[in-house]
Amino acid sequence: MTMDFDIWCTEEQHLPYQRCEKRLPEDMEKFEAYRDTVERYEIPYLQEKDERLRFDRDIMHNDPIDNPPQPDVPKTNATDGKSP
């Protein structure tokens, strides 16, 4: 997720747009601190979410006992019925 100063300023801090447009140094410092905090938690959260999805896909849905692999069937030539 990319943090946007304007959205943070108006939506999170509820400051008037005119003030947000000025990008005051103290507002920028608060925004940077907020973004650092969010990113510190967001990255591990997204990594864990990815691991859960991978586990679900690899273990829960690709179970070789319930879904045994199909043997490769040799392709036949449609005209003569012989294998290549």
C-alpha atoms as a PDB file:
ATOM      1  CA  MET A   1       0.000   0.000   0.000  1.00  0.00           C
ATOM      2  CA  THR A   2       1.349   3.387  -0.925  1.00  0.00           C
ATOM      3  CA  MET A   3       0.652   6.115   1.557  1.00  0.00           C
ATOM      4  CA  ASP A   4      -0.450   9.428   0.135  1.00  0.00           C
ATOM      5  CA  PHE A   5       0.065  12.604   2.143  1.00  0.00           C
ATOM      6  CA  ASP A   6      -3.093  14.299   0.861  1.00  0.00           C
ATOM      7  CA  ILE A   7      -5.341  11.388   1.766  1.00  0.00           C
ATOM      8  CA  TRP A   8      -3.669  10.981   5.157  1.00  0.00           C
ATOM      9  CA  CYS A   9      -4.004  14.690   5.860  1.00  0.00           C
ATOM     10  CA  THR A  10      -7.670  15.058   4.902  1.00  0.00           C
ATOM     11  CA  GLU A  11      -9.027  11.594   5.768  1.00  0.00           C
ATOM     12  CA  GLU A  12      -6.927  10.526   8.770  1.00  0.00           C
ATOM     13  CA  GLN A  13      -6.141  13.874  10.358  1.00  0.00           C
ATOM     14  CA  HIS A  14      -9.352  15.607   9.217  1.00  0.00           C
ATOM     15  CA  LEU A  15      -7.471  18.776   8.380  1.00  0.00           C
ATOM     16  CA  PRO A  16      -8.826  21.275   5.862  1.00  0.00           C
ATOM     17  CA  TYR A  17      -7.591  20.826   2.318  1.00  0.00           C
ATOM     18  CA  GLN A  18      -6.101  24.320   2.297  1.00  0.00           C
ATOM     19  CA  ARG A  19      -3.776  23.384   5.151  1.00  0.00           C
ATOM     20  CA  CYS A  20      -2.894  20.029   3.597  1.00  0.00           C
ATOM     21  CA  GLU A  21      -2.017  21.764   0.360  1.00  0.00           C
ATOM     22  CA  LYS A  22       0.637  23.823   2.185  1.00  0.00           C
ATOM     23  CA  ARG A  23       2.481  20.684   3.340  1.00  0.00           C
ATOM     24  CA  LEU A  24       3.755  22.249   6.515  1.00  0.00           C
ATOM     25  CA  PRO A  25       6.985  20.734   7.902  1.00  0.00           C
ATOM     26  CA  GLU A  26       5.277  19.588  11.122  1.00  0.00           C
ATOM     27  CA  ASP A  27       2.520  17.878   9.126  1.00  0.00           C
ATOM     28  CA  MET A  28       5.104  16.180   6.929  1.00  0.00           C
ATOM     29  CA  GLU A  29       6.961  14.908  10.017  1.00  0.00           C
ATOM     30  CA  LYS A  30       3.736  13.484  11.464  1.00  0.00           C
ATOM     31  CA  PHE A  31       2.921  11.860   8.134  1.00  0.00           C
ATOM     32  CA  GLU A  32       6.366  10.265   7.858  1.00  0.00           C
ATOM     33  CA  ALA A  33       6.053   8.874  11.398  1.00  0.00           C
ATOM     34  CA  TYR A  34       2.584   7.513  10.619  1.00  0.00           C
ATOM     35  CA  ARG A  35       3.763   5.931   7.362  1.00  0.00           C
ATOM     36  CA  ASP A  36       6.753   4.305   9.085  1.00  0.00           C
ATOM     37  CA  THR A  37       4.474   2.817  11.735  1.00  0.00           C
ATOM     38  CA  VAL A  38       2.005   1.454   9.200  1.00  0.00           C
ATOM     39  CA  GLU A  39       4.727  -0.024   7.006  1.00  0.00           C
ATOM     40  CA  ARG A  40       6.382  -1.695   9.982  1.00  0.00           C
ATOM     41  CA  TYR A  41       3.198  -3.703  10.584  1.00  0.00           C
ATOM     42  CA  GLU A  42       1.954  -3.958   7.025  1.00  0.00           C
ATOM     43  CA  ILE A  43       4.925  -5.843   5.569  1.00  0.00           C
ATOM     44  CA  PRO A  44       4.845  -8.728   8.106  1.00  0.00           C
ATOM     45  CA  TYR A  45       1.047  -8.854   7.782  1.00  0.00           C
ATOM     46  CA  LEU A  46       1.237  -9.173   4.000  1.00  0.00           C
ATOM     47  CA  GLN A  47       3.976 -11.808   4.253  1.00  0.00           C
ATOM     48  CA  GLU A  48       1.868 -13.858   6.670  1.00  0.00           C
ATOM     49  CA  LYS A  49      -1.175 -13.496   4.436  1.00  0.00           C
ATOM     50  CA  ASP A  50       0.859 -14.714   1.462  1.00  0.00           C
ATOM     51  CA  GLU A  51       2.129 -17.714   3.455  1.00  0.00           C
ATOM     52  CA  ARG A  52      -1.440 -18.643   4.465  1.00  0.00           C
ATOM     53  CA  LEU A  53      -2.616 -18.429   0.864  1.00  0.00           C
ATOM     54  CA  ARG A  54       0.319 -20.529  -0.290  1.00  0.00           C
ATOM     55  CA  PHE A  55      -0.383 -23.137   2.435  1.00  0.00           C
ATOM     56  CA  ASP A  56      -4.045 -23.219   1.479  1.00  0.00           C
ATOM     57  CA  ARG A  57      -3.190 -23.624  -2.196  1.00  0.00           C
ATOM     58  CA  ASP A  58      -0.343 -26.122  -1.828  1.00  0.00           C
ATOM     59  CA  ILE A  59      -1.507 -28.256   1.082  1.00  0.00           C
ATOM     60  CA  MET A  60      -5.257 -27.964   1.247  1.00  0.00           C
ATOM     61  CA  HIS A  61      -6.106 -27.967  -2.453  1.00  0.00           C
ATOM     62  CA  ASN A  62      -3.260 -29.892  -4.057  1.00  0.00           C
ATOM     63  CA  ASP A  63      -3.494 -32.954  -1.850  1.00  0.00           C
ATOM     64  CA  PRO A  64      -2.060 -35.865  -3.887  1.00  0.00           C
ATOM     65  CA  ILE A  65      -4.242 -38.400  -2.061  1.00  0.00           C
ATOM     66  CA  ASP A  66      -7.524 -36.719  -2.909  1.00  0.00           C
ATOM     67  CA  ASN A  67      -6.271 -35.521  -6.303  1.00  0.00           C
ATOM     68  CA  PRO A  68      -3.781 -38.097  -7.579  1.00  0.00           C
ATOM     69  CA  PRO A  69      -1.595 -36.940 -10.454  1.00  0.00           C
ATOM     70  CA  GLN A  70      -2.741 -38.202 -13.821  1.00  0.00           C
ATOM     71  CA  PRO A  71      -0.198 -40.217 -15.797  1.00  0.00           C
ATOM     72  CA  ASP A  72       0.968 -38.606 -18.999  1.00  0.00           C
ATOM     73  CA  VAL A  73      -0.990 -39.999 -21.902  1.00  0.00           C
ATOM     74  CA  PRO A  74       1.026 -40.120 -25.112  1.00  0.00           C
ATOM     75  CA  LYS A  75      -0.389 -37.933 -27.835  1.00  0.00           C
ATOM     76  CA  THR A  76      -1.643 -39.692 -30.904  1.00  0.00           C
ATOM     77  CA  ASN A  77      -1.700 -38.443 -34.421  1.00  0.00           C
ATOM     78  CA  ALA A  78      -5.353 -37.712 -35.265  1.00  0.00           C
ATOM     79  CA  THR A  79      -5.027 -38.993 -38.841  1.00  0.00           C
ATOM     80  CA  ASP A  80      -3.426 -42.410 -38.337  1.00  0.00           C
ATOM     81  CA  GLY A  81      -3.946 -43.079 -34.610  1.00  0.00           C
ATOM     82  CA  LYS A  82      -0.228 -43.805 -34.052  1.00  0.00           C
ATOM     83  CA  SER A  83       1.941 -42.284 -31.367  1.00  0.00           C
ATOM     84  CA  PRO A  84       4.595 -39.854 -32.553  1.00  0.00           C
END
